[in-house]
Amino acid sequence: MTDIRIKFTTTPGQLFKALEGEVAGAITRAMVKVATGAKDEIRAGIRAQFKRTPPIARAHGQNFEKSFQAQVYPDQKKRKESLSPSAVIQTKAKAAVEFEEGLTISGRKMLAVPEPLAVRLKLDRGMNKNSRFAKLSETQALKQMFGVEPVVFSGHNGKLFLGIHAAAVRKKGISVPKKVSTVPFFRLIQSTSSSKRTHVVDITDKWAGKLQSAYEDALKD
């Protein structure tokens, strides 16, 4: 009886091409995973710290959280893969750099930081661009609302405030404790610093460190 022998052969080029496709697919999927993970964590952190878009970004019509984007190359919409993919985390939002490095606001004039009552009455022009006081200074807004000149006074803690005499505030139907003679609406300060940070660099570095494990997981898929 004659032996039956069936021989399967391939060329090194065919093997390399198959292996190249497998590796390219895995590393590209891994890059997408880490880039998306970094973007999602950055956005989650911004959501937790910034209850609303910072005024400097909102003034330019920007959504601060969604302005942070992850772009992977080659373009995944075209279903392309590469042995050397790359990714970019970017934003065009104003003040993004300031909130990454630490923001300090100062000026030649005193800064007016709204007290809770000013926020409730929408006297804070920075947070209420559509209010009737949006184009007025803090002094002008208070005078327009209460019909009297605002006064600068020192609180019990030595801090300076811009306020209105309690009698004028009560005439507007706003409850004021009897012991209060002047109602504070804005605290006056020379400068202020924000403790809010975006931590984009730290988060991106952390996810970049996960690329190897993400690649190994992708090879198993």
C-alpha atoms as a PDB file:
ATOM      1  CA  MET A   1       0.000   0.000   0.000  1.00  0.00           C
ATOM      2  CA  THR A   2       1.340   3.386  -0.968  1.00  0.00           C
ATOM      3  CA  ASP A   3       1.659   5.951   1.791  1.00  0.00           C
ATOM      4  CA  ILE A   4      -0.509   9.010   1.496  1.00  0.00           C
ATOM      5  CA  ARG A   5       1.333  12.195   2.310  1.00  0.00           C
ATOM      6  CA  ILE A   6      -0.217  15.636   2.280  1.00  0.00           C
ATOM      7  CA  LYS A   7       2.211  18.481   2.691  1.00  0.00           C
ATOM      8  CA  PHE A   8       1.164  21.946   3.843  1.00  0.00           C
ATOM      9  CA  THR A   9       3.602  24.724   3.078  1.00  0.00           C
ATOM     10  CA  THR A  10       3.762  28.458   3.410  1.00  0.00           C
ATOM     11  CA  THR A  11       6.334  31.077   2.773  1.00  0.00           C
ATOM     12  CA  PRO A  12       8.003  33.249   5.441  1.00  0.00           C
ATOM     13  CA  GLY A  13       6.363  36.252   3.813  1.00  0.00           C
ATOM     14  CA  GLN A  14       2.874  34.804   4.316  1.00  0.00           C
ATOM     15  CA  LEU A  15       3.590  34.017   7.968  1.00  0.00           C
ATOM     16  CA  PHE A  16       4.999  37.462   8.611  1.00  0.00           C
ATOM     17  CA  LYS A  17       2.035  39.137   6.941  1.00  0.00           C
ATOM     18  CA  ALA A  18      -0.415  37.153   9.057  1.00  0.00           C
ATOM     19  CA  LEU A  19       1.551  37.893  12.223  1.00  0.00           C
ATOM     20  CA  GLU A  20       1.881  41.559  11.282  1.00  0.00           C
ATOM     21  CA  GLY A  21      -1.875  41.895  10.875  1.00  0.00           C
ATOM     22  CA  GLU A  22      -2.525  40.250  14.237  1.00  0.00           C
ATOM     23  CA  VAL A  23      -0.024  42.454  16.068  1.00  0.00           C
ATOM     24  CA  ALA A  24      -1.187  45.631  14.318  1.00  0.00           C
ATOM     25  CA  GLY A  25      -4.784  44.897  15.229  1.00  0.00           C
ATOM     26  CA  ALA A  26      -3.932  44.226  18.865  1.00  0.00           C
ATOM     27  CA  ILE A  27      -1.713  47.275  19.403  1.00  0.00           C
ATOM     28  CA  THR A  28      -4.213  49.569  17.658  1.00  0.00           C
ATOM     29  CA  ARG A  29      -7.072  48.280  19.819  1.00  0.00           C
ATOM     30  CA  ALA A  30      -4.865  48.737  22.888  1.00  0.00           C
ATOM     31  CA  MET A  31      -4.131  52.341  21.899  1.00  0.00           C
ATOM     32  CA  VAL A  32      -7.838  53.042  21.498  1.00  0.00           C
ATOM     33  CA  LYS A  33      -8.507  51.539  24.925  1.00  0.00           C
ATOM     34  CA  VAL A  34      -5.919  53.614  26.806  1.00  0.00           C
ATOM     35  CA  ALA A  35      -6.754  56.842  24.948  1.00  0.00           C
ATOM     36  CA  THR A  36     -10.468  56.422  25.614  1.00  0.00           C
ATOM     37  CA  GLY A  37      -9.763  55.508  29.242  1.00  0.00           C
ATOM     38  CA  ALA A  38      -7.677  58.662  29.723  1.00  0.00           C
ATOM     39  CA  LYS A  39     -10.319  60.858  28.107  1.00  0.00           C
ATOM     40  CA  ASP A  40     -13.128  59.350  30.188  1.00  0.00           C
ATOM     41  CA  GLU A  41     -11.192  59.766  33.461  1.00  0.00           C
ATOM     42  CA  ILE A  42     -10.303  63.376  32.632  1.00  0.00           C
ATOM     43  CA  ARG A  43     -13.955  64.151  31.893  1.00  0.00           C
ATOM     44  CA  ALA A  44     -15.122  62.405  35.069  1.00  0.00           C
ATOM     45  CA  GLY A  45     -12.686  64.464  37.144  1.00  0.00           C
ATOM     46  CA  ILE A  46     -13.891  67.691  35.553  1.00  0.00           C
ATOM     47  CA  ARG A  47     -17.501  66.671  36.162  1.00  0.00           C
ATOM     48  CA  ALA A  48     -16.731  66.126  39.842  1.00  0.00           C
ATOM     49  CA  GLN A  49     -14.859  69.412  40.336  1.00  0.00           C
ATOM     50  CA  PHE A  50     -16.662  71.818  38.032  1.00  0.00           C
ATOM     51  CA  LYS A  51     -20.386  71.876  38.659  1.00  0.00           C
ATOM     52  CA  ARG A  52     -20.682  74.166  35.650  1.00  0.00           C
ATOM     53  CA  THR A  53     -18.391  75.284  32.850  1.00  0.00           C
ATOM     54  CA  PRO A  54     -15.879  77.910  34.072  1.00  0.00           C
ATOM     55  CA  PRO A  55     -17.006  81.413  32.961  1.00  0.00           C
ATOM     56  CA  ILE A  56     -13.849  81.975  30.891  1.00  0.00           C
ATOM     57  CA  ALA A  57     -14.666  78.885  28.797  1.00  0.00           C
ATOM     58  CA  ARG A  58     -18.432  79.455  28.708  1.00  0.00           C
ATOM     59  CA  ALA A  59     -17.868  82.988  27.390  1.00  0.00           C
ATOM     60  CA  HIS A  60     -16.420  81.342  24.276  1.00  0.00           C
ATOM     61  CA  GLY A  61     -19.386  78.983  23.937  1.00  0.00           C
ATOM     62  CA  GLN A  62     -17.409  75.959  25.075  1.00  0.00           C
ATOM     63  CA  ASN A  63     -18.463  72.902  27.058  1.00  0.00           C
ATOM     64  CA  PHE A  64     -15.394  72.464  29.289  1.00  0.00           C
ATOM     65  CA  GLU A  65     -15.891  68.752  29.959  1.00  0.00           C
ATOM     66  CA  LYS A  66     -16.650  67.664  26.399  1.00  0.00           C
ATOM     67  CA  SER A  67     -13.907  69.841  24.965  1.00  0.00           C
ATOM     68  CA  PHE A  68     -11.397  67.171  26.032  1.00  0.00           C
ATOM     69  CA  GLN A  69     -11.100  64.735  23.126  1.00  0.00           C
ATOM     70  CA  ALA A  70      -9.066  61.614  22.355  1.00  0.00           C
ATOM     71  CA  GLN A  71      -7.866  61.163  18.796  1.00  0.00           C
ATOM     72  CA  VAL A  72      -6.249  57.875  17.729  1.00  0.00           C
ATOM     73  CA  TYR A  73      -4.185  57.478  14.558  1.00  0.00           C
ATOM     74  CA  PRO A  74      -4.843  55.801  12.224  1.00  0.00           C
ATOM     75  CA  ASP A  75      -8.469  56.910  12.078  1.00  0.00           C
ATOM     76  CA  GLN A  76     -10.638  54.193  13.593  1.00  0.00           C
ATOM     77  CA  LYS A  77     -13.674  55.322  11.618  1.00  0.00           C
ATOM     78  CA  LYS A  78     -11.882  53.989   8.549  1.00  0.00           C
ATOM     79  CA  ARG A  79     -11.113  50.713  10.365  1.00  0.00           C
ATOM     80  CA  LYS A  80      -7.387  51.053   9.760  1.00  0.00           C
ATOM     81  CA  GLU A  81      -4.682  49.391  11.870  1.00  0.00           C
ATOM     82  CA  SER A  82      -0.990  50.091  12.357  1.00  0.00           C
ATOM     83  CA  LEU A  83       2.085  48.588  13.992  1.00  0.00           C
ATOM     84  CA  SER A  84       2.839  52.059  15.384  1.00  0.00           C
ATOM     85  CA  PRO A  85      -0.447  53.752  16.285  1.00  0.00           C
ATOM     86  CA  SER A  86      -0.496  56.965  18.279  1.00  0.00           C
ATOM     87  CA  ALA A  87      -3.018  58.954  20.281  1.00  0.00           C
ATOM     88  CA  VAL A  88      -3.527  62.572  21.296  1.00  0.00           C
ATOM     89  CA  ILE A  89      -5.522  63.965  24.218  1.00  0.00           C
ATOM     90  CA  GLN A  90      -6.424  67.546  23.405  1.00  0.00           C
ATOM     91  CA  THR A  91      -8.744  70.440  24.177  1.00  0.00           C
ATOM     92  CA  LYS A  92      -9.398  73.880  22.704  1.00  0.00           C
ATOM     93  CA  ALA A  93     -11.058  75.151  25.867  1.00  0.00           C
ATOM     94  CA  LYS A  94      -9.943  78.483  27.236  1.00  0.00           C
ATOM     95  CA  ALA A  95      -8.228  78.300  30.649  1.00  0.00           C
ATOM     96  CA  ALA A  96      -7.428  74.581  30.265  1.00  0.00           C
ATOM     97  CA  VAL A  97      -3.734  75.280  30.841  1.00  0.00           C
ATOM     98  CA  GLU A  98      -4.497  77.504  33.832  1.00  0.00           C
ATOM     99  CA  PHE A  99      -6.587  74.820  35.527  1.00  0.00           C
ATOM    100  CA  GLU A 100      -3.855  72.269  34.815  1.00  0.00           C
ATOM    101  CA  GLU A 101      -1.088  74.346  36.375  1.00  0.00           C
ATOM    102  CA  GLY A 102      -3.089  76.317  38.950  1.00  0.00           C
ATOM    103  CA  LEU A 103      -5.149  79.438  38.414  1.00  0.00           C
ATOM    104  CA  THR A 104      -4.638  82.744  40.238  1.00  0.00           C
ATOM    105  CA  ILE A 105      -6.807  85.737  39.377  1.00  0.00           C
ATOM    106  CA  SER A 106      -5.699  89.226  40.349  1.00  0.00           C
ATOM    107  CA  GLY A 107      -6.158  92.797  39.174  1.00  0.00           C
ATOM    108  CA  ARG A 108      -5.460  96.428  39.859  1.00  0.00           C
ATOM    109  CA  LYS A 109      -8.975  96.760  41.251  1.00  0.00           C
ATOM    110  CA  MET A 110     -10.483  94.627  43.979  1.00  0.00           C
ATOM    111  CA  LEU A 111     -12.186  91.430  42.854  1.00  0.00           C
ATOM    112  CA  ALA A 112     -15.816  90.982  43.865  1.00  0.00           C
ATOM    113  CA  VAL A 113     -16.593  87.414  44.940  1.00  0.00           C
ATOM    114  CA  PRO A 114     -20.373  86.826  45.243  1.00  0.00           C
ATOM    115  CA  GLU A 115     -21.877  85.830  48.572  1.00  0.00           C
ATOM    116  CA  PRO A 116     -24.701  83.216  48.581  1.00  0.00           C
ATOM    117  CA  LEU A 117     -27.443  85.872  48.511  1.00  0.00           C
ATOM    118  CA  ALA A 118     -25.907  87.527  45.436  1.00  0.00           C
ATOM    119  CA  VAL A 119     -25.861  84.171  43.667  1.00  0.00           C
ATOM    120  CA  ARG A 120     -29.501  83.502  44.626  1.00  0.00           C
ATOM    121  CA  LEU A 121     -30.575  86.890  43.266  1.00  0.00           C
ATOM    122  CA  LYS A 122     -28.515  86.316  40.084  1.00  0.00           C
ATOM    123  CA  LEU A 123     -26.372  89.385  40.734  1.00  0.00           C
ATOM    124  CA  ASP A 124     -23.203  87.523  39.784  1.00  0.00           C
ATOM    125  CA  ARG A 125     -22.650  88.646  36.223  1.00  0.00           C
ATOM    126  CA  GLY A 126     -19.905  86.083  35.647  1.00  0.00           C
ATOM    127  CA  MET A 127     -22.290  83.153  36.200  1.00  0.00           C
ATOM    128  CA  ASN A 128     -25.421  84.762  34.730  1.00  0.00           C
ATOM    129  CA  LYS A 129     -24.629  86.069  31.272  1.00  0.00           C
ATOM    130  CA  ASN A 130     -28.327  86.283  30.395  1.00  0.00           C
ATOM    131  CA  SER A 131     -29.491  88.125  33.522  1.00  0.00           C
ATOM    132  CA  ARG A 132     -30.505  91.797  33.427  1.00  0.00           C
ATOM    133  CA  PHE A 133     -27.373  92.601  35.436  1.00  0.00           C
ATOM    134  CA  ALA A 134     -24.940  90.883  33.058  1.00  0.00           C
ATOM    135  CA  LYS A 135     -23.557  94.133  31.610  1.00  0.00           C
ATOM    136  CA  LEU A 136     -23.464  96.016  34.903  1.00  0.00           C
ATOM    137  CA  SER A 137     -20.718  96.212  37.491  1.00  0.00           C
ATOM    138  CA  GLU A 138     -21.442  94.782  40.931  1.00  0.00           C
ATOM    139  CA  THR A 139     -21.987  98.300  42.308  1.00  0.00           C
ATOM    140  CA  GLN A 140     -24.358  99.210  39.472  1.00  0.00           C
ATOM    141  CA  ALA A 141     -26.320  95.956  39.831  1.00  0.00           C
ATOM    142  CA  LEU A 142     -26.864  96.495  43.561  1.00  0.00           C
ATOM    143  CA  LYS A 143     -27.923 100.110  43.044  1.00  0.00           C
ATOM    144  CA  GLN A 144     -30.370  99.119  40.304  1.00  0.00           C
ATOM    145  CA  MET A 145     -31.924  96.361  42.394  1.00  0.00           C
ATOM    146  CA  PHE A 146     -32.249  98.211  45.718  1.00  0.00           C
ATOM    147  CA  GLY A 147     -32.351 101.874  44.644  1.00  0.00           C
ATOM    148  CA  VAL A 148     -29.592 102.985  47.029  1.00  0.00           C
ATOM    149  CA  GLU A 149     -25.825 103.319  46.865  1.00  0.00           C
ATOM    150  CA  PRO A 150     -23.892 100.204  47.957  1.00  0.00           C
ATOM    151  CA  VAL A 151     -21.412 100.590  50.801  1.00  0.00           C
ATOM    152  CA  VAL A 152     -18.021  99.043  51.465  1.00  0.00           C
ATOM    153  CA  PHE A 153     -17.682  97.775  55.018  1.00  0.00           C
ATOM    154  CA  SER A 154     -15.478  95.537  57.126  1.00  0.00           C
ATOM    155  CA  GLY A 155     -16.929  92.331  58.537  1.00  0.00           C
ATOM    156  CA  HIS A 156     -16.263  90.931  62.001  1.00  0.00           C
ATOM    157  CA  ASN A 157     -13.430  88.825  60.542  1.00  0.00           C
ATOM    158  CA  GLY A 158     -11.695  91.871  59.067  1.00  0.00           C
ATOM    159  CA  LYS A 159     -12.695  91.029  55.480  1.00  0.00           C
ATOM    160  CA  LEU A 160     -14.041  93.723  53.177  1.00  0.00           C
ATOM    161  CA  PHE A 161     -17.535  93.470  51.714  1.00  0.00           C
ATOM    162  CA  LEU A 162     -19.714  95.381  49.270  1.00  0.00           C
ATOM    163  CA  GLY A 163     -23.236  95.499  50.620  1.00  0.00           C
ATOM    164  CA  ILE A 164     -26.552  97.273  51.100  1.00  0.00           C
ATOM    165  CA  HIS A 165     -28.084  98.684  54.282  1.00  0.00           C
ATOM    166  CA  ALA A 166     -30.456  96.114  55.755  1.00  0.00           C
ATOM    167  CA  ALA A 167     -33.480  98.442  55.639  1.00  0.00           C
ATOM    168  CA  ALA A 168     -33.292  98.703  51.842  1.00  0.00           C
ATOM    169  CA  VAL A 169     -32.953  94.938  51.519  1.00  0.00           C
ATOM    170  CA  ARG A 170     -35.990  94.328  53.747  1.00  0.00           C
ATOM    171  CA  LYS A 171     -38.071  96.654  51.541  1.00  0.00           C
ATOM    172  CA  LYS A 172     -37.591  94.124  48.746  1.00  0.00           C
ATOM    173  CA  GLY A 173     -39.186  91.437  50.900  1.00  0.00           C
ATOM    174  CA  ILE A 174     -35.897  89.712  51.655  1.00  0.00           C
ATOM    175  CA  SER A 175     -35.613  88.407  55.202  1.00  0.00           C
ATOM    176  CA  VAL A 176     -32.671  89.864  57.149  1.00  0.00           C
ATOM    177  CA  PRO A 177     -31.868  89.134  60.831  1.00  0.00           C
ATOM    178  CA  LYS A 178     -32.651  92.103  63.127  1.00  0.00           C
ATOM    179  CA  LYS A 179     -29.045  92.330  64.362  1.00  0.00           C
ATOM    180  CA  VAL A 180     -27.705  92.796  60.824  1.00  0.00           C
ATOM    181  CA  SER A 181     -27.286  96.447  59.829  1.00  0.00           C
ATOM    182  CA  THR A 182     -25.594  95.921  56.447  1.00  0.00           C
ATOM    183  CA  VAL A 183     -26.127  92.910  54.189  1.00  0.00           C
ATOM    184  CA  PRO A 184     -23.001  91.619  52.377  1.00  0.00           C
ATOM    185  CA  PHE A 185     -23.420  90.740  48.706  1.00  0.00           C
ATOM    186  CA  PHE A 186     -19.810  90.597  47.498  1.00  0.00           C
ATOM    187  CA  ARG A 187     -16.547  89.918  49.307  1.00  0.00           C
ATOM    188  CA  LEU A 188     -13.749  92.205  48.085  1.00  0.00           C
ATOM    189  CA  ILE A 189     -10.312  90.660  47.627  1.00  0.00           C
ATOM    190  CA  GLN A 190      -7.088  91.540  45.830  1.00  0.00           C
ATOM    191  CA  SER A 191      -6.581  88.114  44.277  1.00  0.00           C
ATOM    192  CA  THR A 192      -7.916  84.583  44.429  1.00  0.00           C
ATOM    193  CA  SER A 193      -6.568  81.135  43.586  1.00  0.00           C
ATOM    194  CA  SER A 194      -8.525  78.129  42.406  1.00  0.00           C
ATOM    195  CA  SER A 195      -7.884  74.747  43.995  1.00  0.00           C
ATOM    196  CA  LYS A 196      -9.510  73.031  41.033  1.00  0.00           C
ATOM    197  CA  ARG A 197      -7.219  71.049  38.757  1.00  0.00           C
ATOM    198  CA  THR A 198      -7.771  69.060  35.583  1.00  0.00           C
ATOM    199  CA  HIS A 199      -4.760  66.703  36.146  1.00  0.00           C
ATOM    200  CA  VAL A 200      -4.616  65.955  32.412  1.00  0.00           C
ATOM    201  CA  VAL A 201      -0.875  65.210  32.396  1.00  0.00           C
ATOM    202  CA  ASP A 202      -0.998  62.854  35.396  1.00  0.00           C
ATOM    203  CA  ILE A 203      -4.029  60.967  34.085  1.00  0.00           C
ATOM    204  CA  THR A 204      -2.598  60.644  30.580  1.00  0.00           C
ATOM    205  CA  ASP A 205       0.744  59.366  31.922  1.00  0.00           C
ATOM    206  CA  LYS A 206      -1.070  56.798  34.052  1.00  0.00           C
ATOM    207  CA  TRP A 207      -3.019  55.424  31.100  1.00  0.00           C
ATOM    208  CA  ALA A 208       0.044  55.443  28.850  1.00  0.00           C
ATOM    209  CA  GLY A 209       1.626  53.092  31.389  1.00  0.00           C
ATOM    210  CA  LYS A 210      -1.246  50.652  30.804  1.00  0.00           C
ATOM    211  CA  LEU A 211      -0.541  50.269  27.073  1.00  0.00           C
ATOM    212  CA  GLN A 212       1.556  47.100  27.438  1.00  0.00           C
ATOM    213  CA  SER A 213      -1.046  45.237  29.487  1.00  0.00           C
ATOM    214  CA  ALA A 214      -3.810  46.459  27.173  1.00  0.00           C
ATOM    215  CA  TYR A 215      -1.848  45.102  24.203  1.00  0.00           C
ATOM    216  CA  GLU A 216      -1.394  41.710  25.877  1.00  0.00           C
ATOM    217  CA  ASP A 217      -5.134  41.556  26.618  1.00  0.00           C
ATOM    218  CA  ALA A 218      -5.950  42.507  23.011  1.00  0.00           C
ATOM    219  CA  LEU A 219      -3.775  39.634  21.705  1.00  0.00           C
ATOM    220  CA  LYS A 220      -5.905  37.215  23.710  1.00  0.00           C
ATOM    221  CA  ASP A 221      -9.144  38.450  22.171  1.00  0.00           C
END
